[in-house]
Amino acid sequence: MPIEVDVAILGGGPGGYTAAVRAAQAGRSVAVIERDKLGGTCLHRGCIPSKSLLRSAEVFATIGDAAAYGVAMPKGKPLSIGRLSLPAKIISLSSSIGAYSL
């Protein structure tokens, strides 16, 4: 069964979902065609999670140099990282994009 829309967008990454929102705001009927999750590779597996991981590594390295910043670390206790998590802003963005999924 064919679906007729004013605008069909291939890909639900940052450009795709932004274009869909703008077209809808302009009064157009819109379909977004995405094979995976809205937000695309950038939001879910690519640049954003990678940058979060890199920042976590930077923080870990800074903690290792805590004495240089005047912060005393407990003696004999190794530094360790628990489960890394994405910052709340990224989780919020991912959740709000997911709200548009059908």
N, C-alpha and C. Protein backbone atom coordinates (compact mmCIF):
# COMPACT_ATOMS: atom_id res chain seq x y z
N MET A 1 0.83 -1.17 0.00
CA MET A 1 0.00 0.00 0.00
C MET A 1 0.88 1.24 0.00
N PRO A 2 0.83 2.05 -1.03
CA PRO A 2 1.66 3.26 -1.12
C PRO A 2 1.26 4.30 -0.07
N ILE A 3 2.26 5.05 0.35
CA ILE A 3 2.05 6.17 1.27
C ILE A 3 2.48 7.43 0.53
N GLU A 4 1.62 8.42 0.53
CA GLU A 4 1.96 9.68 -0.13
C GLU A 4 2.31 10.73 0.90
N VAL A 5 3.47 11.35 0.73
CA VAL A 5 3.93 12.42 1.61
C VAL A 5 4.55 13.51 0.75
N ASP A 6 4.68 14.69 1.35
CA ASP A 6 5.34 15.79 0.64
C ASP A 6 6.85 15.59 0.61
N VAL A 7 7.40 15.08 1.71
CA VAL A 7 8.85 14.92 1.84
C VAL A 7 9.16 13.54 2.39
N ALA A 8 10.04 12.80 1.70
CA ALA A 8 10.54 11.52 2.20
C ALA A 8 12.03 11.69 2.47
N ILE A 9 12.44 11.36 3.68
CA ILE A 9 13.83 11.55 4.09
C ILE A 9 14.46 10.19 4.34
N LEU A 10 15.59 9.95 3.68
CA LEU A 10 16.32 8.69 3.86
C LEU A 10 17.37 8.89 4.95
N GLY A 11 17.21 8.19 6.05
CA GLY A 11 18.17 8.26 7.14
C GLY A 11 17.68 9.13 8.28
N GLY A 12 17.72 8.56 9.47
CA GLY A 12 17.25 9.27 10.66
C GLY A 12 18.37 9.76 11.53
N GLY A 13 19.52 10.06 10.93
CA GLY A 13 20.63 10.63 11.68
C GLY A 13 20.37 12.09 11.99
N PRO A 14 21.38 12.79 12.49
CA PRO A 14 21.21 14.19 12.87
C PRO A 14 20.64 15.07 11.75
N GLY A 15 21.08 14.87 10.54
CA GLY A 15 20.55 15.65 9.42
C GLY A 15 19.13 15.24 9.05
N GLY A 16 18.88 13.94 9.07
CA GLY A 16 17.57 13.42 8.69
C GLY A 16 16.45 13.84 9.62
N TYR A 17 16.67 13.63 10.93
CA TYR A 17 15.56 13.98 11.83
C TYR A 17 15.40 15.49 11.95
N THR A 18 16.48 16.25 11.79
CA THR A 18 16.36 17.71 11.80
C THR A 18 15.57 18.18 10.58
N ALA A 19 15.87 17.60 9.43
CA ALA A 19 15.14 17.96 8.21
C ALA A 19 13.66 17.60 8.35
N ALA A 20 13.37 16.46 8.96
CA ALA A 20 11.98 16.04 9.14
C ALA A 20 11.22 17.01 10.04
N VAL A 21 11.84 17.42 11.12
CA VAL A 21 11.19 18.37 12.04
C VAL A 21 10.95 19.69 11.33
N ARG A 22 11.94 20.18 10.62
CA ARG A 22 11.78 21.47 9.91
C ARG A 22 10.69 21.39 8.84
N ALA A 23 10.65 20.29 8.09
CA ALA A 23 9.61 20.14 7.07
C ALA A 23 8.23 20.07 7.71
N ALA A 24 8.12 19.35 8.82
CA ALA A 24 6.82 19.28 9.53
C ALA A 24 6.41 20.65 10.06
N GLN A 25 7.38 21.41 10.55
CA GLN A 25 7.08 22.76 11.04
C GLN A 25 6.59 23.66 9.92
N ALA A 26 7.04 23.36 8.70
CA ALA A 26 6.63 24.14 7.53
C ALA A 26 5.29 23.65 6.97
N GLY A 27 4.68 22.69 7.66
CA GLY A 27 3.37 22.21 7.25
C GLY A 27 3.38 21.08 6.23
N ARG A 28 4.51 20.48 6.00
CA ARG A 28 4.63 19.38 5.04
C ARG A 28 4.35 18.05 5.74
N SER A 29 3.83 17.08 4.99
CA SER A 29 3.72 15.72 5.53
C SER A 29 5.06 15.05 5.26
N VAL A 30 5.57 14.32 6.25
CA VAL A 30 6.94 13.82 6.20
C VAL A 30 6.99 12.34 6.56
N ALA A 31 7.85 11.62 5.87
CA ALA A 31 8.18 10.24 6.24
C ALA A 31 9.70 10.14 6.35
N VAL A 32 10.17 9.56 7.45
CA VAL A 32 11.60 9.31 7.62
C VAL A 32 11.80 7.81 7.47
N ILE A 33 12.72 7.44 6.61
CA ILE A 33 13.02 6.03 6.36
C ILE A 33 14.37 5.74 7.00
N GLU A 34 14.35 4.90 8.03
CA GLU A 34 15.57 4.58 8.79
C GLU A 34 15.58 3.09 9.08
N ARG A 35 16.68 2.42 8.80
CA ARG A 35 16.74 0.98 9.02
C ARG A 35 17.05 0.60 10.46
N ASP A 36 17.52 1.56 11.25
CA ASP A 36 17.89 1.26 12.63
C ASP A 36 17.15 2.22 13.55
N LYS A 37 17.85 2.87 14.47
CA LYS A 37 17.23 3.79 15.43
C LYS A 37 17.33 5.23 14.93
N LEU A 38 16.29 6.03 15.23
CA LEU A 38 16.41 7.46 14.95
C LEU A 38 17.57 8.01 15.76
N GLY A 39 18.32 8.88 15.17
CA GLY A 39 19.52 9.40 15.79
C GLY A 39 20.75 8.92 15.06
N GLY A 40 20.62 7.76 14.41
CA GLY A 40 21.68 7.24 13.57
C GLY A 40 22.93 6.79 14.32
N THR A 41 23.92 6.46 13.53
CA THR A 41 25.20 5.98 14.06
C THR A 41 25.85 7.02 14.96
N CYS A 42 25.76 8.29 14.58
CA CYS A 42 26.41 9.36 15.35
C CYS A 42 25.95 9.36 16.81
N LEU A 43 24.65 9.27 17.03
CA LEU A 43 24.12 9.35 18.39
C LEU A 43 24.31 8.05 19.16
N HIS A 44 24.14 6.92 18.51
CA HIS A 44 24.09 5.65 19.23
C HIS A 44 25.40 4.89 19.29
N ARG A 45 26.25 4.98 18.25
CA ARG A 45 27.48 4.19 18.24
C ARG A 45 28.72 4.96 17.81
N GLY A 46 28.53 6.13 17.25
CA GLY A 46 29.64 6.82 16.62
C GLY A 46 30.23 7.94 17.43
N CYS A 47 30.15 9.14 16.87
CA CYS A 47 30.89 10.28 17.40
C CYS A 47 30.51 10.66 18.83
N ILE A 48 29.25 10.65 19.18
CA ILE A 48 28.87 11.10 20.52
C ILE A 48 29.34 10.13 21.60
N PRO A 49 29.06 8.81 21.48
CA PRO A 49 29.60 7.89 22.50
C PRO A 49 31.13 7.87 22.52
N SER A 50 31.76 8.01 21.35
CA SER A 50 33.22 8.03 21.29
C SER A 50 33.79 9.22 22.05
N LYS A 51 33.17 10.39 21.87
CA LYS A 51 33.64 11.58 22.58
C LYS A 51 33.44 11.43 24.08
N SER A 52 32.36 10.80 24.48
CA SER A 52 32.11 10.57 25.90
C SER A 52 33.18 9.66 26.49
N LEU A 53 33.53 8.62 25.75
CA LEU A 53 34.58 7.69 26.21
C LEU A 53 35.93 8.40 26.30
N LEU A 54 36.25 9.22 25.31
CA LEU A 54 37.52 9.97 25.34
C LEU A 54 37.56 10.92 26.54
N ARG A 55 36.45 11.58 26.83
CA ARG A 55 36.41 12.50 27.98
C ARG A 55 36.59 11.73 29.28
N SER A 56 35.98 10.54 29.37
CA SER A 56 36.15 9.71 30.57
C SER A 56 37.62 9.34 30.76
N ALA A 57 38.31 9.03 29.66
CA ALA A 57 39.73 8.71 29.73
C ALA A 57 40.55 9.92 30.19
N GLU A 58 40.18 11.11 29.70
CA GLU A 58 40.87 12.33 30.14
C GLU A 58 40.68 12.56 31.64
N VAL A 59 39.46 12.38 32.11
CA VAL A 59 39.18 12.55 33.54
C VAL A 59 39.98 11.54 34.35
N PHE A 60 40.03 10.29 33.91
CA PHE A 60 40.79 9.25 34.59
C PHE A 60 42.27 9.63 34.67
N ALA A 61 42.83 10.15 33.56
CA ALA A 61 44.24 10.56 33.55
C ALA A 61 44.46 11.73 34.51
N THR A 62 43.53 12.67 34.56
CA THR A 62 43.65 13.81 35.47
C THR A 62 43.61 13.35 36.92
N ILE A 63 42.74 12.40 37.23
CA ILE A 63 42.67 11.86 38.59
C ILE A 63 44.00 11.21 38.96
N GLY A 64 44.63 10.56 37.98
CA GLY A 64 45.94 9.94 38.23
C GLY A 64 46.99 10.97 38.61
N ASP A 65 46.83 12.22 38.17
CA ASP A 65 47.75 13.30 38.50
C ASP A 65 47.19 14.20 39.59
N ALA A 66 46.31 13.65 40.41
CA ALA A 66 45.61 14.45 41.42
C ALA A 66 46.56 15.23 42.32
N ALA A 67 47.69 14.64 42.68
CA ALA A 67 48.63 15.31 43.58
C ALA A 67 49.15 16.62 42.97
N ALA A 68 49.29 16.64 41.66
CA ALA A 68 49.75 17.85 40.98
C ALA A 68 48.73 18.98 41.12
N TYR A 69 47.49 18.64 41.42
CA TYR A 69 46.43 19.62 41.59
C TYR A 69 46.10 19.85 43.06
N GLY A 70 46.92 19.25 43.95
CA GLY A 70 46.71 19.44 45.37
C GLY A 70 45.65 18.54 45.98
N VAL A 71 45.29 17.48 45.28
CA VAL A 71 44.27 16.54 45.78
C VAL A 71 44.98 15.27 46.23
N ALA A 72 44.72 14.88 47.47
CA ALA A 72 45.34 13.67 48.01
C ALA A 72 44.50 12.45 47.68
N MET A 73 45.14 11.44 47.13
CA MET A 73 44.46 10.17 46.83
C MET A 73 44.84 9.16 47.92
N PRO A 74 43.93 8.23 48.27
CA PRO A 74 44.25 7.21 49.27
C PRO A 74 45.46 6.39 48.84
N LYS A 75 46.39 6.16 49.78
CA LYS A 75 47.58 5.36 49.47
C LYS A 75 47.21 3.89 49.34
N GLY A 76 47.83 3.22 48.40
CA GLY A 76 47.66 1.79 48.24
C GLY A 76 46.35 1.37 47.58
N LYS A 77 45.55 2.33 47.17
CA LYS A 77 44.29 1.98 46.50
C LYS A 77 44.43 2.36 45.02
N PRO A 78 44.35 1.37 44.14
CA PRO A 78 44.48 1.68 42.72
C PRO A 78 43.25 2.43 42.20
N LEU A 79 43.49 3.25 41.21
CA LEU A 79 42.37 3.91 40.54
C LEU A 79 41.64 2.89 39.69
N SER A 80 40.35 2.96 39.67
CA SER A 80 39.59 2.07 38.80
C SER A 80 38.38 2.82 38.27
N ILE A 81 37.94 2.38 37.13
CA ILE A 81 36.76 2.96 36.52
C ILE A 81 35.67 1.91 36.56
N GLY A 82 34.53 2.31 37.07
CA GLY A 82 33.37 1.42 37.03
C GLY A 82 32.76 1.46 35.65
N ARG A 83 31.53 1.12 35.55
CA ARG A 83 30.83 1.14 34.28
C ARG A 83 30.76 2.58 33.78
N LEU A 84 31.27 2.82 32.58
CA LEU A 84 31.20 4.15 31.99
C LEU A 84 29.78 4.40 31.52
N SER A 85 29.29 5.59 31.75
CA SER A 85 27.94 5.91 31.29
C SER A 85 27.97 7.21 30.53
N LEU A 86 27.00 7.35 29.65
CA LEU A 86 26.91 8.58 28.89
C LEU A 86 26.37 9.69 29.77
N PRO A 87 26.84 10.90 29.56
CA PRO A 87 26.31 12.03 30.33
C PRO A 87 24.80 12.15 30.16
N ALA A 88 24.16 12.72 31.15
CA ALA A 88 22.70 12.84 31.19
C ALA A 88 22.14 13.56 29.97
N LYS A 89 22.84 14.57 29.45
CA LYS A 89 22.34 15.31 28.29
C LYS A 89 22.21 14.40 27.07
N ILE A 90 23.18 13.49 26.89
CA ILE A 90 23.14 12.59 25.75
C ILE A 90 22.00 11.59 25.91
N ILE A 91 21.84 11.08 27.12
CA ILE A 91 20.75 10.13 27.38
C ILE A 91 19.41 10.81 27.15
N SER A 92 19.28 12.06 27.59
CA SER A 92 18.05 12.80 27.39
C SER A 92 17.77 13.01 25.91
N LEU A 93 18.78 13.35 25.14
CA LEU A 93 18.63 13.55 23.70
C LEU A 93 18.19 12.26 23.03
N SER A 94 18.85 11.16 23.38
CA SER A 94 18.51 9.87 22.80
C SER A 94 17.07 9.49 23.14
N SER A 95 16.64 9.75 24.35
CA SER A 95 15.27 9.44 24.77
C SER A 95 14.26 10.28 24.02
N SER A 96 14.57 11.57 23.84
CA SER A 96 13.60 12.44 23.16
C SER A 96 13.48 12.08 21.69
N ILE A 97 14.57 11.64 21.06
CA ILE A 97 14.52 11.21 19.68
C ILE A 97 13.73 9.91 19.59
N GLY A 98 13.94 9.02 20.55
CA GLY A 98 13.23 7.76 20.58
C GLY A 98 11.73 7.95 20.70
N ALA A 99 11.30 9.06 21.26
CA ALA A 99 9.88 9.33 21.42
C ALA A 99 9.18 9.47 20.07
N TYR A 100 9.94 9.77 19.01
CA TYR A 100 9.36 9.93 17.69
C TYR A 100 9.31 8.61 16.94
N SER A 101 9.92 7.56 17.49
CA SER A 101 9.92 6.25 16.81
C SER A 101 8.53 5.64 16.85
N LEU A 102 8.22 4.88 15.84
CA LEU A 102 6.94 4.18 15.81
C LEU A 102 7.15 2.71 16.01
